[in-house]
Every structure is written in structure tokens, then in C-alpha cells.
Protein backbone atom coordinates (compact mmCIF):
# COMPACT_ATOMS: atom_id res chain seq x y z
CA LEU A 1 -27.42 9.91 -77.87
CA PRO A 2 -24.84 10.61 -80.52
CA SER A 3 -21.48 8.97 -80.16
CA ALA A 4 -19.12 10.47 -77.61
CA MET A 5 -16.59 11.14 -80.36
CA CYS A 6 -19.10 13.33 -82.21
CA TYR A 7 -20.32 15.47 -79.34
CA THR A 8 -16.84 15.81 -77.83
CA ALA A 9 -15.63 17.25 -81.14
CA VAL A 10 -18.50 19.76 -81.09
CA LEU A 11 -17.75 20.71 -77.48
CA ASN A 12 -14.06 21.18 -78.31
CA ALA A 13 -14.98 23.49 -81.20
CA LEU A 14 -17.24 25.51 -78.90
CA ARG A 15 -14.43 25.70 -76.34
CA LYS A 16 -11.94 26.98 -78.92
CA ASN A 17 -14.43 29.64 -80.02
CA GLY A 18 -15.03 30.74 -76.43
CA ARG A 19 -18.72 29.80 -76.54
CA ILE A 20 -19.04 28.54 -72.96
CA ASP A 21 -22.73 29.41 -72.90
CA ARG A 22 -23.47 27.19 -75.90
CA LEU A 23 -21.15 24.48 -74.58
CA GLU A 24 -23.09 24.44 -71.31
CA GLU A 25 -26.43 24.32 -73.17
CA THR A 26 -25.24 21.41 -75.32
CA LEU A 27 -23.94 19.48 -72.33
CA THR A 28 -27.22 20.09 -70.49
CA GLU A 29 -29.23 18.85 -73.47
CA LEU A 30 -27.09 15.71 -73.65
CA ALA A 31 -27.51 15.09 -69.91
CA ASN A 32 -31.28 15.53 -70.15
CA ALA A 33 -31.44 13.08 -73.05
CA SER A 34 -29.35 10.60 -71.07
CA ARG A 35 -31.72 10.88 -68.09
CA ARG A 36 -34.77 10.35 -70.34
CA ILE A 37 -33.21 7.21 -71.80
CA ARG A 38 -32.38 5.85 -68.35
CA ARG A 39 -35.91 6.57 -67.09
CA LYS A 40 -37.36 4.81 -70.13
CA TYR A 41 -35.27 1.71 -69.41
CA ALA A 42 -36.30 1.83 -65.76
CA GLN A 43 -39.97 2.02 -66.70
CA GLU A 44 -39.55 -0.92 -69.07
CA GLY A 45 -38.25 -3.00 -66.20
CA VAL A 46 -34.70 -3.32 -67.41
CA GLN A 47 -32.72 -4.05 -64.26
CA SER A 48 -29.46 -2.50 -65.32
CA MET A 49 -27.89 -0.77 -68.25
CA GLN A 50 -25.65 -3.81 -68.71
CA GLU A 51 -28.77 -5.95 -69.07
CA LYS A 52 -29.99 -3.59 -71.80
CA PHE A 53 -26.67 -3.92 -73.61
CA ASP A 54 -26.88 -7.72 -73.28
CA LEU A 55 -30.35 -7.63 -74.88
CA ASP A 56 -29.01 -5.68 -77.86
CA SER A 57 -27.12 -7.74 -80.41
CA SER A 58 -24.73 -4.90 -81.20
CA SER A 59 -22.96 -2.95 -78.50
CA ASN A 60 -21.57 -0.02 -80.48
CA ASP A 61 -21.23 3.65 -79.59
CA SER A 62 -24.87 4.37 -80.49
CA ASN A 63 -25.98 2.39 -77.42
CA ASN A 64 -24.24 4.85 -75.12
CA THR A 65 -26.60 6.21 -72.48
CA ALA A 66 -24.15 8.15 -70.30
CA ILE A 67 -22.29 11.35 -70.96
CA ASP A 68 -18.63 10.72 -71.62
CA ILE A 69 -16.26 12.02 -68.94
CA VAL A 70 -14.16 13.75 -71.61
CA ALA A 71 -17.16 15.94 -72.47
CA PHE A 72 -17.49 17.06 -68.87
CA ASN A 73 -13.74 17.65 -68.62
CA THR A 74 -13.95 19.79 -71.77
CA TYR A 75 -16.55 21.93 -70.04
CA LEU A 76 -14.35 22.29 -66.95
CA ALA A 77 -11.38 23.20 -69.15
CA SER A 78 -13.43 25.89 -70.89
CA LEU A 79 -14.30 27.40 -67.51
CA CYS A 80 -10.61 27.40 -66.61
CA ASP A 81 -9.75 29.01 -69.95
CA ALA A 82 -12.25 31.78 -69.28
CA ALA A 83 -10.97 32.35 -65.77
CA VAL A 84 -7.35 32.49 -66.90
CA ASN A 85 -8.09 34.79 -69.83
CA GLN A 86 -9.87 37.27 -67.58
CA LEU A 87 -6.95 37.59 -65.19
CA PRO A 88 -3.90 39.65 -66.10
CA PHE A 89 -0.67 37.71 -66.13
CA LEU A 90 1.63 38.88 -63.38
CA SER A 91 5.25 37.88 -63.39
CA THR A 92 7.15 37.75 -60.12
CA GLU A 93 9.05 40.86 -61.20
CA SER A 94 5.87 42.95 -61.34
CA VAL A 95 4.60 41.92 -57.90
CA ASP A 96 5.73 43.89 -54.85
CA MET A 97 6.87 41.09 -52.54
CA ASN A 98 7.09 43.49 -49.58
CA ILE A 99 3.31 43.32 -49.09
CA PHE A 100 3.73 39.69 -48.00
CA ASP A 101 6.23 40.53 -45.23
CA ASP A 102 4.97 40.03 -41.67
CA GLY A 103 7.46 42.50 -40.28
């Protein structure tokens, strides 16, 4: 997997351009790659991901096998952006408060 810093920057750019479809595809591709890596380690008999990191002499960002939480939060934020942009903004002055009266 690429470093979290790299793919989070790409996801942020997709979010700013309103490309939720491509953001979702990219996140799905990253998740699938992460699962393949984890399955490979499981088949090789590596007990835990920490054990794999201990076997490697360098523990830098390129050893990352999980999707960063910031990437997922970026996806959620893009969904919120889309939802908010589709709804008209209503101020309290433009809403008829009488419809909420019980009486």
C-alpha cells in the first residue's frame, strides 16, 4: 500500500472536486489491497501484523497494511458535503414556525 499521507492527499483532492464516485472506488481498491496483504501474511503463518513488523528491519510507512482512519473520515466528510450541498439552506426566518404548533 502507498503511504497514508499519499492516498489521503489524493482522497482530499477528489473530495474537493466533488468526485465521490472516484473517491469510493479508490478507497475500495485500497481496502481490497489491504485484505490481500493480510491474507498473504495469514497464509505464510505470520501470527500477527506486529510479528510481521518485528521481522522487518525497517518499520516505515511503506509497511502499512491497514487503511488509515483519516482516509475513511475523508470519505464520510465527502458524503456529508454532498448531502449538505443538495439541500437548500433555510434560515429560521424563512420557515413557518406555525406548522410545529400542537394547538
